């Protein structure tokens, strides 16, 4: 992405700071506090330099955000498949894609602010296309399979963020679980009353989907 860089050099005798240090610190601030926690003054204070030094290295705030977005997109491009079976390799791409998004919520927000959601999902999509092709899926069936997995990733993330549970909702759930137990399946009620491990739940759901897709080849 193009960026405008200030033409004035840092003042003589000012603490030395590198472009990478500026970007690393900006990345940390966004990850800790979101985009509202990122200002040129705060960034300069964190690095112990004048604001003009930040402008010299990365340009204005918009240019800085563009640099951070580029970094996020490059990170998403590091997704690699792992495993000994086609299903394992495809599932590994889905797991890595979800984890990268969950670990960078504020940074992903920056990408979405820039309207680059499609680019965010592109590296995982490329990996899935390769792995489904290796598993024997091509054409329209492969396209449907790739999209099914990516919708599973995105939908699961949205759902696990949304299910926070308020007191009124919890009371209704507990009443329903009592009915399940009294209806003859207390073990099911007990299991549903325990918060599921989202990592385990995601792997179970995406593996079931993937295995059903590659089984048809």
N, C-alpha and C. Protein backbone atom coordinates (compact mmCIF):
# COMPACT_ATOMS: atom_id res chain seq x y z
N UNK A 1 0.83 -1.18 0.00
CA UNK A 1 0.00 0.00 0.00
C UNK A 1 0.88 1.25 0.00
N UNK A 2 0.45 2.30 -0.69
CA UNK A 2 1.25 3.50 -0.73
C UNK A 2 1.12 4.24 0.60
N UNK A 3 2.18 4.94 0.98
CA UNK A 3 2.13 5.69 2.20
C UNK A 3 2.87 6.98 2.01
N UNK A 4 2.43 8.03 2.75
CA UNK A 4 3.10 9.32 2.69
C UNK A 4 4.04 9.42 3.86
N UNK A 5 5.31 9.66 3.61
CA UNK A 5 6.29 9.73 4.67
C UNK A 5 6.72 11.17 4.87
N UNK A 6 6.81 11.59 6.11
CA UNK A 6 7.25 12.95 6.40
C UNK A 6 8.67 13.13 5.91
N UNK A 7 8.98 14.35 5.46
CA UNK A 7 10.30 14.61 4.90
C UNK A 7 11.31 15.07 5.94
N UNK A 8 10.82 15.51 7.12
CA UNK A 8 11.77 15.98 8.13
C UNK A 8 12.38 14.81 8.88
N UNK A 9 13.70 14.82 9.00
CA UNK A 9 14.40 13.74 9.68
C UNK A 9 14.28 13.93 11.20
N UNK A 10 14.48 12.83 11.96
CA UNK A 10 14.48 12.96 13.41
C UNK A 10 15.55 13.94 13.87
N UNK A 11 15.28 14.61 14.98
CA UNK A 11 16.22 15.61 15.48
C UNK A 11 17.53 14.95 15.89
N UNK A 12 18.66 15.63 15.67
CA UNK A 12 19.96 15.08 16.09
C UNK A 12 19.96 14.81 17.59
N UNK A 13 20.53 13.69 17.99
CA UNK A 13 20.61 13.34 19.39
C UNK A 13 19.38 12.64 19.93
N UNK A 14 18.32 12.52 19.11
CA UNK A 14 17.10 11.83 19.56
C UNK A 14 17.37 10.33 19.68
N UNK A 15 16.64 9.62 20.57
CA UNK A 15 16.83 8.17 20.68
C UNK A 15 16.65 7.49 19.32
N UNK A 16 17.48 6.51 19.06
CA UNK A 16 17.40 5.81 17.78
C UNK A 16 16.23 4.83 17.82
N UNK A 17 15.45 4.84 16.76
CA UNK A 17 14.32 3.93 16.66
C UNK A 17 14.24 3.46 15.20
N UNK A 18 13.90 2.22 15.00
CA UNK A 18 13.82 1.68 13.65
C UNK A 18 12.38 1.59 13.19
N UNK A 19 12.22 1.46 11.91
CA UNK A 19 10.89 1.31 11.33
C UNK A 19 10.19 0.06 11.89
N UNK A 20 10.95 -1.03 11.99
CA UNK A 20 10.37 -2.26 12.53
C UNK A 20 9.93 -2.08 13.98
N UNK A 21 10.72 -1.34 14.75
CA UNK A 21 10.34 -1.10 16.15
C UNK A 21 9.04 -0.31 16.23
N UNK A 22 8.89 0.67 15.35
CA UNK A 22 7.65 1.46 15.31
C UNK A 22 6.46 0.56 14.99
N UNK A 23 6.61 -0.28 13.97
CA UNK A 23 5.51 -1.15 13.56
C UNK A 23 5.20 -2.21 14.63
N UNK A 24 6.25 -2.76 15.25
CA UNK A 24 6.04 -3.76 16.29
C UNK A 24 5.29 -3.16 17.47
N UNK A 25 5.67 -1.96 17.86
CA UNK A 25 5.01 -1.30 18.99
C UNK A 25 3.57 -0.92 18.64
N UNK A 26 3.37 -0.44 17.44
CA UNK A 26 2.00 -0.11 17.00
C UNK A 26 1.13 -1.36 16.99
N UNK A 27 1.69 -2.46 16.54
CA UNK A 27 0.96 -3.73 16.52
C UNK A 27 0.55 -4.13 17.94
N UNK A 28 1.48 -3.98 18.86
CA UNK A 28 1.19 -4.34 20.25
C UNK A 28 0.10 -3.45 20.84
N UNK A 29 0.16 -2.16 20.57
CA UNK A 29 -0.84 -1.25 21.09
C UNK A 29 -2.24 -1.59 20.58
N UNK A 30 -2.32 -1.93 19.31
CA UNK A 30 -3.63 -2.29 18.74
C UNK A 30 -4.13 -3.59 19.35
N UNK A 31 -3.23 -4.56 19.52
CA UNK A 31 -3.64 -5.85 20.08
C UNK A 31 -4.09 -5.70 21.53
N UNK A 32 -3.50 -4.74 22.26
CA UNK A 32 -3.85 -4.54 23.66
C UNK A 32 -5.10 -3.69 23.85
N UNK A 33 -5.26 -2.67 23.02
CA UNK A 33 -6.30 -1.68 23.28
C UNK A 33 -7.22 -1.40 22.10
N UNK A 34 -7.01 -2.07 20.98
CA UNK A 34 -7.82 -1.79 19.80
C UNK A 34 -7.33 -0.54 19.08
N UNK A 35 -8.02 -0.19 18.02
CA UNK A 35 -7.58 0.96 17.22
C UNK A 35 -7.64 2.26 18.00
N UNK A 36 -8.55 2.33 19.00
CA UNK A 36 -8.64 3.56 19.79
C UNK A 36 -7.39 3.77 20.65
N UNK A 37 -6.64 2.70 20.87
CA UNK A 37 -5.41 2.81 21.65
C UNK A 37 -4.21 3.19 20.84
N UNK A 38 -4.42 3.43 19.55
CA UNK A 38 -3.29 3.75 18.67
C UNK A 38 -3.36 5.23 18.26
N UNK A 39 -2.43 5.99 18.77
CA UNK A 39 -2.27 7.39 18.34
C UNK A 39 -0.78 7.62 18.14
N UNK A 40 -0.46 8.59 17.32
CA UNK A 40 0.94 8.86 17.04
C UNK A 40 1.65 9.35 18.31
N UNK A 41 0.95 10.11 19.14
CA UNK A 41 1.56 10.59 20.37
C UNK A 41 1.84 9.45 21.35
N UNK A 42 0.86 8.55 21.48
CA UNK A 42 1.06 7.43 22.39
C UNK A 42 2.17 6.51 21.88
N UNK A 43 2.21 6.31 20.59
CA UNK A 43 3.25 5.48 19.99
C UNK A 43 4.62 6.09 20.24
N UNK A 44 4.73 7.40 20.07
CA UNK A 44 6.00 8.08 20.31
C UNK A 44 6.41 7.96 21.78
N UNK A 45 5.42 8.10 22.68
CA UNK A 45 5.72 7.99 24.11
C UNK A 45 6.20 6.59 24.47
N UNK A 46 5.59 5.57 23.88
CA UNK A 46 6.00 4.20 24.15
C UNK A 46 7.45 3.95 23.72
N UNK A 47 7.84 4.60 22.64
CA UNK A 47 9.19 4.40 22.10
C UNK A 47 10.20 5.41 22.66
N UNK A 48 9.70 6.40 23.36
CA UNK A 48 10.59 7.40 23.93
C UNK A 48 11.21 8.32 22.91
N UNK A 49 10.44 8.64 21.86
CA UNK A 49 10.95 9.52 20.81
C UNK A 49 9.93 10.62 20.54
N UNK A 50 10.32 11.59 19.75
CA UNK A 50 9.41 12.65 19.35
C UNK A 50 8.43 12.15 18.30
N UNK A 51 7.26 12.76 18.25
CA UNK A 51 6.24 12.37 17.27
C UNK A 51 6.79 12.50 15.85
N UNK A 52 7.63 13.50 15.63
CA UNK A 52 8.18 13.69 14.28
C UNK A 52 9.00 12.49 13.83
N UNK A 53 9.62 11.79 14.80
CA UNK A 53 10.40 10.60 14.46
C UNK A 53 9.49 9.49 13.93
N UNK A 54 8.29 9.37 14.52
CA UNK A 54 7.33 8.37 14.05
C UNK A 54 6.89 8.70 12.62
N UNK A 55 6.59 9.97 12.37
CA UNK A 55 6.19 10.37 11.03
C UNK A 55 7.30 10.10 10.02
N UNK A 56 8.54 10.30 10.42
CA UNK A 56 9.66 10.05 9.52
C UNK A 56 9.72 8.59 9.10
N UNK A 57 9.48 7.68 10.04
CA UNK A 57 9.63 6.26 9.76
C UNK A 57 8.42 5.65 9.03
N UNK A 58 7.22 6.09 9.37
CA UNK A 58 6.04 5.41 8.80
C UNK A 58 5.02 6.33 8.15
N UNK A 59 5.24 7.64 8.17
CA UNK A 59 4.26 8.54 7.60
C UNK A 59 3.15 8.85 8.59
N UNK A 60 1.97 9.22 8.10
CA UNK A 60 0.88 9.59 8.99
C UNK A 60 0.15 8.35 9.53
N UNK A 61 -0.91 8.58 10.32
CA UNK A 61 -1.60 7.46 10.96
C UNK A 61 -2.23 6.52 9.94
N UNK A 62 -2.82 7.07 8.89
CA UNK A 62 -3.42 6.22 7.86
C UNK A 62 -2.38 5.31 7.22
N UNK A 63 -1.20 5.87 6.95
CA UNK A 63 -0.13 5.07 6.35
C UNK A 63 0.33 3.99 7.33
N UNK A 64 0.38 4.33 8.62
CA UNK A 64 0.75 3.36 9.65
C UNK A 64 -0.25 2.21 9.68
N UNK A 65 -1.56 2.54 9.66
CA UNK A 65 -2.59 1.50 9.68
C UNK A 65 -2.46 0.60 8.44
N UNK A 66 -2.18 1.21 7.29
CA UNK A 66 -1.99 0.41 6.07
C UNK A 66 -0.84 -0.57 6.23
N UNK A 67 0.22 -0.14 6.88
CA UNK A 67 1.37 -1.02 7.12
C UNK A 67 0.98 -2.18 8.03
N UNK A 68 0.19 -1.89 9.07
CA UNK A 68 -0.25 -2.94 9.98
C UNK A 68 -1.16 -3.94 9.26
N UNK A 69 -2.04 -3.43 8.41
CA UNK A 69 -2.92 -4.31 7.63
C UNK A 69 -2.09 -5.21 6.73
N UNK A 70 -1.07 -4.66 6.10
CA UNK A 70 -0.19 -5.48 5.26
C UNK A 70 0.46 -6.59 6.07
N UNK A 71 0.87 -6.27 7.28
CA UNK A 71 1.49 -7.29 8.14
C UNK A 71 0.51 -8.41 8.47
N UNK A 72 -0.71 -8.03 8.80
CA UNK A 72 -1.72 -9.04 9.14
C UNK A 72 -1.96 -9.96 7.94
N UNK A 73 -2.08 -9.37 6.76
CA UNK A 73 -2.33 -10.16 5.55
C UNK A 73 -1.15 -11.09 5.26
N UNK A 74 0.06 -10.61 5.51
CA UNK A 74 1.23 -11.47 5.31
C UNK A 74 1.23 -12.63 6.31
N UNK A 75 0.85 -12.33 7.57
CA UNK A 75 0.77 -13.38 8.58
C UNK A 75 -0.24 -14.45 8.18
N UNK A 76 -1.39 -14.03 7.66
CA UNK A 76 -2.40 -14.99 7.25
C UNK A 76 -1.89 -15.84 6.10
N UNK A 77 -0.93 -15.32 5.34
CA UNK A 77 -0.35 -16.08 4.23
C UNK A 77 0.60 -17.17 4.67
N UNK A 78 0.89 -17.23 5.97
CA UNK A 78 1.81 -18.27 6.47
C UNK A 78 1.08 -19.57 6.80
N UNK A 79 -0.22 -19.63 6.58
CA UNK A 79 -0.98 -20.85 6.88
C UNK A 79 -0.48 -22.00 6.00
N UNK A 80 -0.11 -23.09 6.63
CA UNK A 80 0.36 -24.27 5.91
C UNK A 80 -0.38 -25.51 6.43
N UNK A 81 -0.69 -26.42 5.52
CA UNK A 81 -1.37 -27.65 5.90
C UNK A 81 -0.38 -28.60 6.58
N UNK A 82 -0.90 -29.40 7.50
CA UNK A 82 -0.08 -30.40 8.18
C UNK A 82 -0.94 -31.64 8.43
N UNK A 83 -0.29 -32.80 8.41
CA UNK A 83 -1.03 -34.04 8.65
C UNK A 83 -0.72 -35.10 7.62
N UNK A 84 -1.08 -36.33 7.92
CA UNK A 84 -0.73 -37.44 7.05
C UNK A 84 -1.87 -37.89 6.15
N UNK A 85 -3.09 -37.40 6.39
CA UNK A 85 -4.22 -37.77 5.54
C UNK A 85 -4.83 -36.50 4.95
N UNK A 86 -5.57 -36.63 3.83
CA UNK A 86 -6.22 -35.44 3.26
C UNK A 86 -7.11 -34.71 4.26
N UNK A 87 -7.88 -35.47 5.03
CA UNK A 87 -8.77 -34.84 6.01
C UNK A 87 -7.98 -34.10 7.08
N UNK A 88 -6.91 -34.72 7.56
CA UNK A 88 -6.07 -34.07 8.58
C UNK A 88 -5.50 -32.75 8.07
N UNK A 89 -5.05 -32.75 6.84
CA UNK A 89 -4.42 -31.55 6.27
C UNK A 89 -5.44 -30.44 6.07
N UNK A 90 -6.62 -30.79 5.61
CA UNK A 90 -7.66 -29.78 5.41
C UNK A 90 -8.12 -29.21 6.75
N UNK A 91 -8.31 -30.11 7.73
CA UNK A 91 -8.70 -29.65 9.07
C UNK A 91 -7.63 -28.74 9.66
N UNK A 92 -6.36 -29.05 9.43
CA UNK A 92 -5.28 -28.22 9.98
C UNK A 92 -5.33 -26.81 9.43
N UNK A 93 -5.73 -26.64 8.18
CA UNK A 93 -5.86 -25.30 7.59
C UNK A 93 -6.99 -24.54 8.30
N UNK A 94 -8.10 -25.21 8.52
CA UNK A 94 -9.23 -24.58 9.21
C UNK A 94 -8.85 -24.18 10.63
N UNK A 95 -8.15 -25.06 11.33
CA UNK A 95 -7.74 -24.78 12.70
C UNK A 95 -6.80 -23.57 12.75
N UNK A 96 -5.83 -23.55 11.84
CA UNK A 96 -4.87 -22.45 11.82
C UNK A 96 -5.55 -21.13 11.46
N UNK A 97 -6.49 -21.18 10.53
CA UNK A 97 -7.20 -19.98 10.11
C UNK A 97 -8.00 -19.40 11.27
N UNK A 98 -8.73 -20.23 11.98
CA UNK A 98 -9.51 -19.76 13.14
C UNK A 98 -8.59 -19.20 14.21
N UNK A 99 -7.50 -19.89 14.51
CA UNK A 99 -6.61 -19.44 15.57
C UNK A 99 -5.98 -18.09 15.25
N UNK A 100 -5.58 -17.89 13.99
CA UNK A 100 -4.99 -16.61 13.61
C UNK A 100 -5.97 -15.47 13.79
N UNK A 101 -7.24 -15.71 13.47
CA UNK A 101 -8.25 -14.66 13.60
C UNK A 101 -8.54 -14.38 15.07
N UNK A 102 -8.66 -15.44 15.89
CA UNK A 102 -8.96 -15.26 17.31
C UNK A 102 -7.81 -14.57 18.04
N UNK A 103 -6.59 -14.84 17.62
CA UNK A 103 -5.43 -14.26 18.30
C UNK A 103 -5.18 -12.81 17.93
N UNK A 104 -5.86 -12.31 16.89
CA UNK A 104 -5.63 -10.95 16.41
C UNK A 104 -6.95 -10.19 16.22
N UNK A 105 -7.84 -10.18 17.20
CA UNK A 105 -9.17 -9.58 16.97
C UNK A 105 -9.11 -8.12 16.55
N UNK A 106 -8.30 -7.31 17.23
CA UNK A 106 -8.24 -5.89 16.89
C UNK A 106 -7.56 -5.66 15.55
N UNK A 107 -6.56 -6.49 15.25
CA UNK A 107 -5.86 -6.34 13.97
C UNK A 107 -6.77 -6.77 12.81
N UNK A 108 -7.55 -7.83 13.04
CA UNK A 108 -8.51 -8.24 12.02
C UNK A 108 -9.53 -7.13 11.80
N UNK A 109 -9.87 -6.41 12.89
CA UNK A 109 -10.77 -5.28 12.77
C UNK A 109 -10.21 -4.20 11.85
N UNK A 110 -8.89 -3.99 11.92
CA UNK A 110 -8.26 -3.03 11.02
C UNK A 110 -8.43 -3.43 9.56
N UNK A 111 -8.24 -4.72 9.29
CA UNK A 111 -8.38 -5.22 7.92
C UNK A 111 -9.81 -4.99 7.43
N UNK A 112 -10.78 -5.25 8.29
CA UNK A 112 -12.18 -5.08 7.90
C UNK A 112 -12.53 -3.61 7.70
N UNK A 113 -11.94 -2.74 8.52
CA UNK A 113 -12.16 -1.30 8.33
C UNK A 113 -11.70 -0.86 6.95
N UNK A 114 -10.66 -1.49 6.46
CA UNK A 114 -10.14 -1.14 5.14
C UNK A 114 -10.89 -1.86 4.02
N UNK A 115 -11.89 -2.68 4.39
CA UNK A 115 -12.70 -3.38 3.39
C UNK A 115 -11.94 -4.46 2.66
N UNK A 116 -11.00 -5.12 3.38
CA UNK A 116 -10.15 -6.13 2.74
C UNK A 116 -10.43 -7.53 3.27
N UNK A 117 -11.68 -7.77 3.66
CA UNK A 117 -12.05 -9.09 4.20
C UNK A 117 -11.70 -10.23 3.25
N UNK A 118 -11.94 -10.00 1.96
CA UNK A 118 -11.68 -11.06 0.97
C UNK A 118 -10.21 -11.43 0.95
N UNK A 119 -9.34 -10.43 1.05
CA UNK A 119 -7.90 -10.71 1.07
C UNK A 119 -7.50 -11.45 2.34
N UNK A 120 -8.21 -11.18 3.42
CA UNK A 120 -7.94 -11.84 4.70
C UNK A 120 -8.15 -13.34 4.59
N UNK A 121 -9.17 -13.76 3.85
CA UNK A 121 -9.50 -15.17 3.73
C UNK A 121 -8.80 -15.85 2.57
N UNK A 122 -8.14 -15.06 1.72
CA UNK A 122 -7.56 -15.63 0.50
C UNK A 122 -6.46 -16.66 0.75
N UNK A 123 -5.50 -16.44 1.67
CA UNK A 123 -4.45 -17.45 1.89
C UNK A 123 -5.02 -18.81 2.29
N UNK A 124 -5.99 -18.80 3.22
CA UNK A 124 -6.60 -20.07 3.64
C UNK A 124 -7.36 -20.70 2.48
N UNK A 125 -8.01 -19.87 1.67
CA UNK A 125 -8.75 -20.39 0.52
C UNK A 125 -7.81 -21.08 -0.45
N UNK A 126 -6.65 -20.47 -0.70
CA UNK A 126 -5.67 -21.08 -1.60
C UNK A 126 -5.20 -22.43 -1.06
N UNK A 127 -4.93 -22.46 0.25
CA UNK A 127 -4.47 -23.71 0.87
C UNK A 127 -5.55 -24.78 0.78
N UNK A 128 -6.80 -24.40 1.01
CA UNK A 128 -7.89 -25.37 0.94
C UNK A 128 -8.08 -25.90 -0.48
N UNK A 129 -7.95 -25.02 -1.47
CA UNK A 129 -8.06 -25.46 -2.87
C UNK A 129 -7.00 -26.51 -3.17
N UNK A 130 -5.76 -26.26 -2.74
CA UNK A 130 -4.68 -27.23 -2.98
C UNK A 130 -4.98 -28.56 -2.30
N UNK A 131 -5.43 -28.50 -1.05
CA UNK A 131 -5.64 -29.74 -0.30
C UNK A 131 -6.84 -30.52 -0.80
N UNK A 132 -7.91 -29.84 -1.18
CA UNK A 132 -9.06 -30.57 -1.73
C UNK A 132 -8.71 -31.17 -3.09
N UNK A 133 -7.89 -30.46 -3.88
CA UNK A 133 -7.45 -31.02 -5.16
C UNK A 133 -6.62 -32.29 -4.93
N UNK A 134 -5.74 -32.24 -3.93
CA UNK A 134 -4.93 -33.42 -3.61
C UNK A 134 -5.80 -34.57 -3.13
N UNK A 135 -6.95 -34.23 -2.53
CA UNK A 135 -7.87 -35.26 -2.06
C UNK A 135 -8.77 -35.78 -3.18
N UNK A 136 -8.69 -35.14 -4.37
CA UNK A 136 -9.46 -35.62 -5.51
C UNK A 136 -10.69 -34.81 -5.86
N UNK A 137 -10.89 -33.66 -5.17
CA UNK A 137 -12.05 -32.82 -5.48
C UNK A 137 -11.64 -31.71 -6.43
N UNK A 138 -12.45 -31.53 -7.49
CA UNK A 138 -12.16 -30.49 -8.48
C UNK A 138 -13.48 -29.84 -8.91
N UNK A 139 -13.35 -28.75 -9.64
CA UNK A 139 -14.52 -28.09 -10.22
C UNK A 139 -15.50 -27.59 -9.19
N UNK A 140 -16.79 -27.70 -9.52
CA UNK A 140 -17.85 -27.14 -8.68
C UNK A 140 -17.88 -27.79 -7.30
N UNK A 141 -17.58 -29.09 -7.24
CA UNK A 141 -17.60 -29.78 -5.93
C UNK A 141 -16.51 -29.25 -5.03
N UNK A 142 -15.34 -28.98 -5.60
CA UNK A 142 -14.23 -28.44 -4.81
C UNK A 142 -14.56 -27.03 -4.34
N UNK A 143 -15.16 -26.24 -5.22
CA UNK A 143 -15.53 -24.87 -4.86
C UNK A 143 -16.51 -24.87 -3.69
N UNK A 144 -17.50 -25.77 -3.74
CA UNK A 144 -18.48 -25.87 -2.67
C UNK A 144 -17.81 -26.32 -1.37
N UNK A 145 -16.88 -27.26 -1.47
CA UNK A 145 -16.19 -27.77 -0.28
C UNK A 145 -15.35 -26.68 0.38
N UNK A 146 -14.62 -25.92 -0.43
CA UNK A 146 -13.78 -24.84 0.10
C UNK A 146 -14.64 -23.81 0.82
N UNK A 147 -15.74 -23.41 0.19
CA UNK A 147 -16.61 -22.41 0.79
C UNK A 147 -17.28 -22.94 2.05
N UNK A 148 -17.63 -24.21 2.06
CA UNK A 148 -18.26 -24.81 3.24
C UNK A 148 -17.32 -24.74 4.44
N UNK A 149 -16.05 -25.04 4.22
CA UNK A 149 -15.08 -25.00 5.32
C UNK A 149 -14.87 -23.57 5.79
N UNK A 150 -14.76 -22.62 4.85
CA UNK A 150 -14.53 -21.24 5.27
C UNK A 150 -15.74 -20.64 5.96
N UNK A 151 -16.93 -21.03 5.54
CA UNK A 151 -18.12 -20.58 6.25
C UNK A 151 -18.18 -21.19 7.64
N UNK A 152 -17.71 -22.42 7.76
CA UNK A 152 -17.66 -23.07 9.07
C UNK A 152 -16.74 -22.30 10.01
N UNK A 153 -15.58 -21.89 9.50
CA UNK A 153 -14.63 -21.12 10.30
C UNK A 153 -15.24 -19.79 10.73
N UNK A 154 -15.71 -19.02 9.75
CA UNK A 154 -16.24 -17.69 10.05
C UNK A 154 -17.49 -17.76 10.93
N UNK A 155 -18.39 -18.68 10.61
CA UNK A 155 -19.62 -18.81 11.38
C UNK A 155 -19.36 -19.24 12.81
N UNK A 156 -18.42 -20.15 12.99
CA UNK A 156 -18.11 -20.62 14.34
C UNK A 156 -17.54 -19.48 15.19
N UNK A 157 -16.65 -18.69 14.60
CA UNK A 157 -16.05 -17.57 15.33
C UNK A 157 -17.13 -16.57 15.74
N UNK A 158 -18.03 -16.25 14.82
CA UNK A 158 -19.10 -15.31 15.14
C UNK A 158 -19.99 -15.85 16.26
N UNK A 159 -20.29 -17.14 16.21
CA UNK A 159 -21.18 -17.73 17.20
C UNK A 159 -20.53 -17.80 18.57
N UNK A 160 -19.26 -18.19 18.63
CA UNK A 160 -18.63 -18.31 19.95
C UNK A 160 -18.42 -16.95 20.59
N UNK A 161 -18.31 -15.89 19.79
CA UNK A 161 -18.22 -14.55 20.35
C UNK A 161 -19.57 -14.05 20.83
N UNK A 162 -20.62 -14.49 20.17
CA UNK A 162 -21.97 -14.00 20.50
C UNK A 162 -22.56 -14.69 21.73
N UNK A 163 -22.17 -15.94 21.98
CA UNK A 163 -22.79 -16.71 23.07
C UNK A 163 -22.15 -16.39 24.41
N UNK A 164 -22.38 -15.20 24.88
CA UNK A 164 -21.84 -14.82 26.19
C UNK A 164 -22.78 -15.22 27.32
N UNK A 165 -24.09 -15.19 27.06
CA UNK A 165 -25.05 -15.66 28.05
C UNK A 165 -25.36 -14.65 29.15
N UNK A 166 -26.59 -14.10 29.14
CA UNK A 166 -27.03 -13.21 30.20
C UNK A 166 -27.80 -14.01 31.25
N UNK A 167 -28.06 -13.41 32.40
CA UNK A 167 -28.70 -14.14 33.50
C UNK A 167 -30.07 -14.69 33.10
N UNK A 168 -30.87 -13.88 32.39
CA UNK A 168 -32.20 -14.33 31.98
C UNK A 168 -32.09 -15.54 31.06
N UNK A 169 -31.14 -15.48 30.13
CA UNK A 169 -30.95 -16.58 29.20
C UNK A 169 -30.52 -17.85 29.95
N UNK A 170 -29.61 -17.68 30.92
CA UNK A 170 -29.13 -18.82 31.67
C UNK A 170 -30.25 -19.48 32.47
N UNK A 171 -31.14 -18.68 33.02
CA UNK A 171 -32.26 -19.24 33.78
C UNK A 171 -33.16 -20.08 32.88
N UNK A 172 -33.40 -19.60 31.67
CA UNK A 172 -34.23 -20.36 30.72
C UNK A 172 -33.53 -21.65 30.31
N UNK A 173 -32.23 -21.59 30.12
CA UNK A 173 -31.47 -22.79 29.75
C UNK A 173 -31.52 -23.82 30.87
N UNK A 174 -31.35 -23.36 32.11
CA UNK A 174 -31.37 -24.28 33.24
C UNK A 174 -32.73 -24.96 33.38
N UNK A 175 -33.79 -24.22 33.14
CA UNK A 175 -35.13 -24.80 33.20
C UNK A 175 -35.29 -25.89 32.14
N UNK A 176 -34.77 -25.62 30.95
CA UNK A 176 -34.87 -26.62 29.87
C UNK A 176 -34.04 -27.85 30.19
N UNK A 177 -32.83 -27.65 30.76
CA UNK A 177 -31.98 -28.78 31.12
C UNK A 177 -32.64 -29.66 32.18
N UNK A 178 -33.37 -29.05 33.07
CA UNK A 178 -34.10 -29.83 34.08
C UNK A 178 -35.14 -30.71 33.41
N UNK A 179 -35.79 -30.18 32.39
CA UNK A 179 -36.76 -30.98 31.64
C UNK A 179 -36.08 -32.15 30.94
N UNK A 180 -34.89 -31.90 30.38
CA UNK A 180 -34.15 -32.98 29.70
C UNK A 180 -33.81 -34.08 30.70
N UNK A 181 -33.32 -33.68 31.88
CA UNK A 181 -32.95 -34.67 32.90
C UNK A 181 -34.17 -35.46 33.37
N UNK A 182 -35.26 -34.75 33.61
CA UNK A 182 -36.48 -35.42 34.07
C UNK A 182 -37.10 -36.28 32.97
N UNK A 183 -36.75 -35.96 31.72
CA UNK A 183 -37.28 -36.74 30.61
C UNK A 183 -36.55 -38.05 30.39
N UNK A 184 -35.53 -38.32 31.19
CA UNK A 184 -34.89 -39.63 31.12
C UNK A 184 -33.44 -39.63 30.65
N UNK A 185 -32.83 -38.46 30.44
CA UNK A 185 -31.43 -38.46 30.01
C UNK A 185 -30.63 -37.46 30.84
N UNK A 186 -30.42 -37.77 32.13
CA UNK A 186 -29.67 -36.86 33.01
C UNK A 186 -28.22 -36.67 32.57
N UNK A 187 -27.63 -37.69 31.94
CA UNK A 187 -26.24 -37.58 31.48
C UNK A 187 -26.13 -36.52 30.38
N UNK A 188 -27.12 -36.52 29.46
CA UNK A 188 -27.14 -35.51 28.41
C UNK A 188 -27.28 -34.12 29.02
N UNK A 189 -28.20 -33.98 29.99
CA UNK A 189 -28.42 -32.69 30.64
C UNK A 189 -27.16 -32.21 31.33
N UNK A 190 -26.46 -33.13 32.02
CA UNK A 190 -25.23 -32.77 32.72
C UNK A 190 -24.16 -32.31 31.74
N UNK A 191 -24.07 -33.02 30.61
CA UNK A 191 -23.07 -32.67 29.60
C UNK A 191 -23.34 -31.31 28.98
N UNK A 192 -24.61 -31.02 28.73
CA UNK A 192 -24.97 -29.73 28.14
C UNK A 192 -24.84 -28.58 29.14
N UNK A 193 -24.80 -28.92 30.42
CA UNK A 193 -24.69 -27.89 31.44
C UNK A 193 -23.25 -27.44 31.66
N UNK A 194 -22.32 -28.13 31.02
CA UNK A 194 -20.90 -27.77 31.13
C UNK A 194 -20.49 -27.02 29.88
N UNK A 195 -19.83 -25.89 30.07
CA UNK A 195 -19.38 -25.11 28.93
C UNK A 195 -18.39 -25.92 28.10
N UNK A 196 -18.67 -26.05 26.82
CA UNK A 196 -17.80 -26.83 25.94
C UNK A 196 -16.50 -26.09 25.69
N UNK A 197 -15.44 -26.87 25.49
CA UNK A 197 -14.17 -26.29 25.09
C UNK A 197 -14.31 -25.88 23.63
N UNK A 198 -14.27 -24.58 23.30
CA UNK A 198 -14.50 -24.15 21.93
C UNK A 198 -13.49 -24.73 20.93
N UNK A 199 -12.25 -24.93 21.37
CA UNK A 199 -11.25 -25.52 20.47
C UNK A 199 -11.64 -26.94 20.10
N UNK A 200 -12.03 -27.70 21.11
CA UNK A 200 -12.44 -29.09 20.86
C UNK A 200 -13.71 -29.15 20.03
N UNK A 201 -14.65 -28.27 20.37
CA UNK A 201 -15.93 -28.26 19.65
C UNK A 201 -15.72 -27.89 18.18
N UNK A 202 -14.84 -26.92 17.93
CA UNK A 202 -14.58 -26.53 16.55
C UNK A 202 -13.94 -27.66 15.78
N UNK A 203 -12.96 -28.32 16.38
CA UNK A 203 -12.28 -29.41 15.67
C UNK A 203 -13.24 -30.56 15.37
N UNK A 204 -14.09 -30.88 16.32
CA UNK A 204 -15.08 -31.94 16.09
C UNK A 204 -16.00 -31.58 14.93
N UNK A 205 -16.47 -30.34 14.92
CA UNK A 205 -17.44 -29.94 13.89
C UNK A 205 -16.79 -29.83 12.52
N UNK A 206 -15.61 -29.23 12.44
CA UNK A 206 -14.99 -29.07 11.13
C UNK A 206 -14.47 -30.40 10.60
N UNK A 207 -14.02 -31.28 11.50
CA UNK A 207 -13.56 -32.60 11.05
C UNK A 207 -14.73 -33.42 10.50
N UNK A 208 -15.87 -33.34 11.16
CA UNK A 208 -17.03 -34.05 10.65
C UNK A 208 -17.41 -33.57 9.26
N UNK A 209 -17.36 -32.26 9.06
CA UNK A 209 -17.67 -31.70 7.75
C UNK A 209 -16.67 -32.14 6.70
N UNK A 210 -15.39 -32.02 7.02
CA UNK A 210 -14.34 -32.34 6.05
C UNK A 210 -14.35 -33.82 5.68
N UNK A 211 -14.48 -34.67 6.66
CA UNK A 211 -14.49 -36.12 6.38
C UNK A 211 -15.67 -36.50 5.52
N UNK A 212 -16.80 -35.85 5.71
CA UNK A 212 -17.95 -36.15 4.85
C UNK A 212 -17.70 -35.68 3.42
N UNK A 213 -16.95 -34.61 3.26
CA UNK A 213 -16.66 -34.08 1.92
C UNK A 213 -15.66 -34.97 1.16
N UNK A 214 -14.61 -35.38 1.83
CA UNK A 214 -13.58 -36.18 1.14
C UNK A 214 -14.00 -37.64 1.01
N UNK A 215 -14.94 -38.07 1.84
CA UNK A 215 -15.41 -39.46 1.75
C UNK A 215 -16.15 -39.73 0.44
N UNK A 216 -16.73 -38.68 -0.14
CA UNK A 216 -17.53 -38.84 -1.35
C UNK A 216 -16.68 -38.96 -2.61
N UNK A 217 -15.38 -38.73 -2.49
CA UNK A 217 -14.51 -38.77 -3.69
C UNK A 217 -14.37 -40.20 -4.18
